[in-house]
Amino acid sequence: MTAQAMADVSMKHFEISNIHRLRVAFAAAMEDAGAKASEIQARLGHESLAITGLYLASLKRAKNRHTEAVAELFGIE
């Protein structure tokens, strides 16, 4: 399956055209379903659990609707 074909399927079923965003959505869904970081690591194909940890941490920051306001208060970009 080509990258474009995967993007087309993603858009049709998940309304996500970017394959990386689909991976992010998949990782978030796995974590929400109770998967361990090591299980998510295996599914995403990350060589390092530390990379998966950073990935999941960024997902958690993105979910917090107050992140930008708090960052601005503390002068963090």
N, C-alpha and C. Protein backbone atom coordinates (compact mmCIF):
# COMPACT_ATOMS: atom_id res chain seq x y z
N MET A 1 0.85 -1.17 0.00
CA MET A 1 0.00 0.00 0.00
C MET A 1 0.90 1.24 0.00
N THR A 2 0.60 2.17 -0.85
CA THR A 2 1.41 3.39 -0.92
C THR A 2 1.06 4.33 0.22
N ALA A 3 1.94 5.28 0.47
CA ALA A 3 1.69 6.28 1.51
C ALA A 3 0.42 7.07 1.19
N GLN A 4 0.21 7.38 -0.08
CA GLN A 4 -1.00 8.13 -0.46
C GLN A 4 -2.25 7.30 -0.21
N ALA A 5 -2.19 6.01 -0.51
CA ALA A 5 -3.34 5.14 -0.27
C ALA A 5 -3.67 5.09 1.22
N MET A 6 -2.62 4.99 2.06
CA MET A 6 -2.85 4.99 3.52
C MET A 6 -3.45 6.31 3.97
N ALA A 7 -2.95 7.41 3.41
CA ALA A 7 -3.49 8.73 3.76
C ALA A 7 -4.96 8.83 3.35
N ASP A 8 -5.31 8.28 2.19
CA ASP A 8 -6.70 8.30 1.72
C ASP A 8 -7.61 7.49 2.65
N VAL A 9 -7.15 6.31 3.05
CA VAL A 9 -7.92 5.47 3.98
C VAL A 9 -8.07 6.18 5.32
N SER A 10 -7.00 6.79 5.80
CA SER A 10 -7.04 7.51 7.07
C SER A 10 -8.06 8.63 7.02
N MET A 11 -8.05 9.37 5.92
CA MET A 11 -8.97 10.48 5.79
C MET A 11 -10.41 9.98 5.75
N LYS A 12 -10.65 8.91 5.02
CA LYS A 12 -12.00 8.38 4.89
C LYS A 12 -12.55 7.90 6.22
N HIS A 13 -11.73 7.17 7.00
CA HIS A 13 -12.24 6.54 8.22
C HIS A 13 -11.99 7.34 9.49
N PHE A 14 -10.94 8.17 9.51
CA PHE A 14 -10.58 8.87 10.74
C PHE A 14 -10.52 10.38 10.58
N GLU A 15 -10.72 10.87 9.36
CA GLU A 15 -10.62 12.30 9.05
C GLU A 15 -9.25 12.85 9.41
N ILE A 16 -8.22 12.03 9.23
CA ILE A 16 -6.82 12.41 9.46
C ILE A 16 -6.06 12.06 8.20
N SER A 17 -5.52 13.07 7.52
CA SER A 17 -4.84 12.78 6.26
C SER A 17 -3.34 12.59 6.43
N ASN A 18 -2.79 13.03 7.53
CA ASN A 18 -1.36 12.93 7.77
C ASN A 18 -1.07 11.64 8.52
N ILE A 19 -0.21 10.80 7.96
CA ILE A 19 0.08 9.50 8.57
C ILE A 19 0.67 9.66 9.97
N HIS A 20 1.52 10.65 10.18
CA HIS A 20 2.09 10.85 11.51
C HIS A 20 0.99 11.18 12.52
N ARG A 21 0.02 11.99 12.12
CA ARG A 21 -1.09 12.31 13.03
C ARG A 21 -1.88 11.05 13.36
N LEU A 22 -1.99 10.14 12.38
CA LEU A 22 -2.67 8.88 12.64
C LEU A 22 -1.91 8.06 13.68
N ARG A 23 -0.57 8.06 13.59
CA ARG A 23 0.26 7.36 14.58
C ARG A 23 0.05 7.98 15.97
N VAL A 24 -0.03 9.31 16.01
CA VAL A 24 -0.26 10.01 17.27
C VAL A 24 -1.62 9.62 17.85
N ALA A 25 -2.64 9.62 17.01
CA ALA A 25 -3.99 9.24 17.47
C ALA A 25 -4.00 7.80 17.97
N PHE A 26 -3.28 6.92 17.26
CA PHE A 26 -3.20 5.52 17.66
C PHE A 26 -2.52 5.37 19.02
N ALA A 27 -1.41 6.08 19.21
CA ALA A 27 -0.68 6.02 20.48
C ALA A 27 -1.56 6.55 21.62
N ALA A 28 -2.25 7.64 21.37
CA ALA A 28 -3.13 8.20 22.39
C ALA A 28 -4.26 7.23 22.74
N ALA A 29 -4.83 6.60 21.73
CA ALA A 29 -5.91 5.65 21.97
C ALA A 29 -5.40 4.45 22.76
N MET A 30 -4.21 3.97 22.41
CA MET A 30 -3.63 2.84 23.16
C MET A 30 -3.43 3.22 24.63
N GLU A 31 -2.89 4.43 24.85
CA GLU A 31 -2.65 4.85 26.23
C GLU A 31 -3.97 5.01 26.98
N ASP A 32 -4.97 5.61 26.33
CA ASP A 32 -6.28 5.77 26.96
C ASP A 32 -6.92 4.42 27.28
N ALA A 33 -6.60 3.41 26.48
CA ALA A 33 -7.15 2.07 26.70
C ALA A 33 -6.39 1.30 27.78
N GLY A 34 -5.31 1.90 28.29
CA GLY A 34 -4.58 1.28 29.38
C GLY A 34 -3.31 0.55 28.98
N ALA A 35 -2.87 0.71 27.73
CA ALA A 35 -1.64 0.05 27.29
C ALA A 35 -0.43 0.62 28.01
N LYS A 36 0.53 -0.23 28.29
CA LYS A 36 1.78 0.21 28.91
C LYS A 36 2.64 0.88 27.85
N ALA A 37 3.54 1.75 28.30
CA ALA A 37 4.44 2.45 27.37
C ALA A 37 5.24 1.46 26.54
N SER A 38 5.65 0.36 27.14
CA SER A 38 6.44 -0.63 26.39
C SER A 38 5.62 -1.28 25.28
N GLU A 39 4.31 -1.45 25.49
CA GLU A 39 3.45 -2.00 24.45
C GLU A 39 3.27 -1.00 23.31
N ILE A 40 3.13 0.27 23.68
CA ILE A 40 3.00 1.32 22.67
C ILE A 40 4.31 1.43 21.88
N GLN A 41 5.43 1.35 22.59
CA GLN A 41 6.75 1.38 21.94
C GLN A 41 6.84 0.29 20.87
N ALA A 42 6.44 -0.92 21.23
CA ALA A 42 6.52 -2.03 20.29
C ALA A 42 5.64 -1.78 19.06
N ARG A 43 4.45 -1.26 19.26
CA ARG A 43 3.53 -1.03 18.14
C ARG A 43 4.01 0.09 17.23
N LEU A 44 4.62 1.13 17.83
CA LEU A 44 5.10 2.26 17.03
C LEU A 44 6.45 1.99 16.40
N GLY A 45 7.15 0.98 16.92
CA GLY A 45 8.45 0.63 16.37
C GLY A 45 9.58 1.52 16.84
N HIS A 46 9.39 2.21 17.97
CA HIS A 46 10.46 3.02 18.53
C HIS A 46 11.55 2.10 19.08
N GLU A 47 12.79 2.44 18.81
CA GLU A 47 13.89 1.62 19.34
C GLU A 47 14.10 1.84 20.83
N SER A 48 13.75 3.02 21.31
CA SER A 48 14.00 3.38 22.70
C SER A 48 12.70 3.67 23.43
N LEU A 49 12.57 3.13 24.64
CA LEU A 49 11.42 3.43 25.47
C LEU A 49 11.40 4.91 25.85
N ALA A 50 12.60 5.52 25.96
CA ALA A 50 12.68 6.94 26.27
C ALA A 50 12.00 7.78 25.19
N ILE A 51 12.15 7.40 23.93
CA ILE A 51 11.51 8.12 22.83
C ILE A 51 9.99 8.01 22.96
N THR A 52 9.51 6.82 23.26
CA THR A 52 8.08 6.63 23.44
C THR A 52 7.58 7.45 24.61
N GLY A 53 8.36 7.51 25.69
CA GLY A 53 7.99 8.33 26.85
C GLY A 53 7.87 9.80 26.49
N LEU A 54 8.79 10.30 25.70
CA LEU A 54 8.73 11.70 25.25
C LEU A 54 7.49 11.92 24.37
N TYR A 55 7.24 10.98 23.52
CA TYR A 55 6.09 11.02 22.62
C TYR A 55 4.80 11.09 23.42
N LEU A 56 4.65 10.22 24.42
CA LEU A 56 3.44 10.19 25.23
C LEU A 56 3.32 11.45 26.09
N ALA A 57 4.44 11.95 26.58
CA ALA A 57 4.41 13.19 27.37
C ALA A 57 3.92 14.35 26.52
N SER A 58 4.35 14.39 25.26
CA SER A 58 3.89 15.47 24.38
C SER A 58 2.40 15.35 24.11
N LEU A 59 1.89 14.13 24.04
CA LEU A 59 0.45 13.94 23.85
C LEU A 59 -0.32 14.46 25.06
N LYS A 60 0.20 14.20 26.26
CA LYS A 60 -0.47 14.67 27.48
C LYS A 60 -0.47 16.19 27.54
N ARG A 61 0.65 16.82 27.16
CA ARG A 61 0.69 18.28 27.15
C ARG A 61 -0.31 18.84 26.15
N ALA A 62 -0.44 18.19 25.03
CA ALA A 62 -1.35 18.66 23.99
C ALA A 62 -2.81 18.55 24.43
N LYS A 63 -3.13 17.58 25.28
CA LYS A 63 -4.51 17.40 25.74
C LYS A 63 -4.93 18.46 26.75
N ASN A 64 -3.98 19.04 27.47
CA ASN A 64 -4.31 20.00 28.51
C ASN A 64 -4.70 21.33 27.89
N ARG A 65 -5.96 21.72 28.01
CA ARG A 65 -6.43 22.95 27.37
C ARG A 65 -5.85 24.20 28.01
N HIS A 66 -5.20 24.08 29.16
CA HIS A 66 -4.62 25.23 29.84
C HIS A 66 -3.12 25.37 29.59
N THR A 67 -2.55 24.47 28.83
CA THR A 67 -1.11 24.45 28.62
C THR A 67 -0.57 25.79 28.14
N GLU A 68 -1.18 26.35 27.11
CA GLU A 68 -0.66 27.60 26.54
C GLU A 68 -0.75 28.74 27.53
N ALA A 69 -1.85 28.85 28.27
CA ALA A 69 -2.01 29.94 29.23
C ALA A 69 -0.99 29.83 30.36
N VAL A 70 -0.78 28.63 30.85
CA VAL A 70 0.20 28.43 31.93
C VAL A 70 1.62 28.71 31.44
N ALA A 71 1.93 28.24 30.25
CA ALA A 71 3.24 28.49 29.68
C ALA A 71 3.49 29.99 29.52
N GLU A 72 2.47 30.71 29.10
CA GLU A 72 2.59 32.16 28.94
C GLU A 72 2.82 32.84 30.29
N LEU A 73 2.14 32.39 31.32
CA LEU A 73 2.30 32.95 32.66
C LEU A 73 3.73 32.80 33.17
N PHE A 74 4.36 31.68 32.82
CA PHE A 74 5.71 31.42 33.28
C PHE A 74 6.78 31.79 32.24
N GLY A 75 6.34 32.36 31.12
CA GLY A 75 7.29 32.78 30.11
C GLY A 75 7.96 31.61 29.38
N ILE A 76 7.24 30.51 29.25
CA ILE A 76 7.79 29.32 28.59
C ILE A 76 7.21 29.24 27.18
N GLU A 77 8.07 28.96 26.22
CA GLU A 77 7.58 28.82 24.84
C GLU A 77 7.41 27.38 24.49
